[in-house]
Protein backbone atom coordinates (compact mmCIF):
# COMPACT_ATOMS: atom_id res chain seq x y z
CA UNK A 1 148.70 52.15 -116.08
CA UNK A 2 149.24 55.20 -118.12
CA UNK A 3 146.23 53.78 -120.78
CA UNK A 4 143.96 54.02 -117.37
CA UNK A 5 145.16 57.75 -116.59
CA UNK A 6 146.55 55.96 -113.38
CA UNK A 7 149.91 57.03 -112.06
CA UNK A 8 152.39 54.39 -111.84
CA UNK A 9 153.23 54.38 -108.08
CA UNK A 10 151.92 51.92 -105.61
CA UNK A 11 149.45 54.08 -103.75
CA UNK A 12 147.62 54.64 -107.07
CA UNK A 13 147.38 51.35 -107.95
CA UNK A 14 145.87 50.30 -104.53
CA UNK A 15 143.24 53.31 -105.15
CA UNK A 16 142.49 51.91 -108.61
CA UNK A 17 141.92 48.44 -107.52
CA UNK A 18 140.00 48.69 -104.66
CA UNK A 19 139.35 45.32 -103.62
CA UNK A 20 143.44 44.52 -102.95
CA UNK A 21 144.18 43.17 -99.34
CA UNK A 22 147.95 43.71 -99.51
CA UNK A 23 150.74 44.78 -101.90
CA UNK A 24 154.11 43.67 -102.32
CA UNK A 25 156.42 46.34 -103.23
CA UNK A 26 160.12 46.48 -103.98
CA UNK A 27 162.59 47.59 -101.58
CA UNK A 28 163.36 50.71 -103.96
CA UNK A 29 159.53 52.04 -103.33
CA UNK A 30 159.94 51.26 -99.58
CA UNK A 31 159.34 55.10 -98.97
CA UNK A 32 155.80 54.57 -100.62
CA UNK A 33 154.45 52.13 -97.81
CA UNK A 34 153.45 54.64 -95.46
CA UNK A 35 151.11 56.10 -98.25
CA UNK A 36 149.31 52.90 -98.55
CA UNK A 37 146.32 52.31 -96.64
CA UNK A 38 146.35 48.22 -96.85
CA UNK A 39 149.21 45.71 -95.77
CA UNK A 40 152.23 46.18 -97.55
CA UNK A 41 155.35 43.87 -97.73
CA UNK A 42 158.39 45.28 -98.86
CA UNK A 43 161.07 42.95 -100.74
CA UNK A 44 163.33 42.84 -103.42
CA UNK A 45 161.39 41.77 -106.74
CA UNK A 46 163.94 41.88 -109.08
CA UNK A 47 164.44 38.28 -110.12
CA UNK A 48 167.88 38.00 -111.97
CA UNK A 49 168.47 34.44 -110.92
CA UNK A 50 166.60 31.29 -109.91
CA UNK A 51 167.46 31.89 -106.26
CA UNK A 52 166.01 35.47 -106.80
CA UNK A 53 162.61 34.04 -108.04
CA UNK A 54 162.71 31.27 -105.25
CA UNK A 55 163.18 34.10 -102.57
CA UNK A 56 160.44 36.24 -103.88
CA UNK A 57 158.02 33.24 -104.35
CA UNK A 58 158.79 32.38 -100.71
CA UNK A 59 157.97 35.90 -99.65
CA UNK A 60 154.85 36.06 -101.55
CA UNK A 61 153.25 32.94 -100.10
CA UNK A 62 154.62 33.96 -96.53
CA UNK A 63 152.77 37.47 -97.04
CA UNK A 64 149.55 35.81 -98.27
CA UNK A 65 149.34 33.39 -95.34
CA UNK A 66 149.80 36.40 -92.87
CA UNK A 67 147.04 38.26 -94.94
CA UNK A 68 144.89 35.12 -94.56
CA UNK A 69 145.34 34.64 -90.74
CA UNK A 70 144.45 38.18 -90.47
CA UNK A 71 141.29 38.05 -92.33
CA UNK A 72 140.20 34.81 -90.43
CA UNK A 73 140.88 36.84 -87.15
CA UNK A 74 138.44 39.81 -88.54
CA UNK A 75 135.74 37.19 -89.18
CA UNK A 76 135.76 35.44 -85.60
């Protein structure tokens, strides 16, 4: 992000990529969630084991599904 002149924090990334519907952030960045104007999922993103990867993948898929349901509700 530094090459783009964008601060490496969640709120700045969301502003830079204005097309995002949601963002997954790590538990360590939980305090940033309130400064983000889109849906945020806070979860552990460190993947130290296969179980960590599976848990994060499941969390991402669940979040994407919830975003999709919200988007459909706005259309109808």
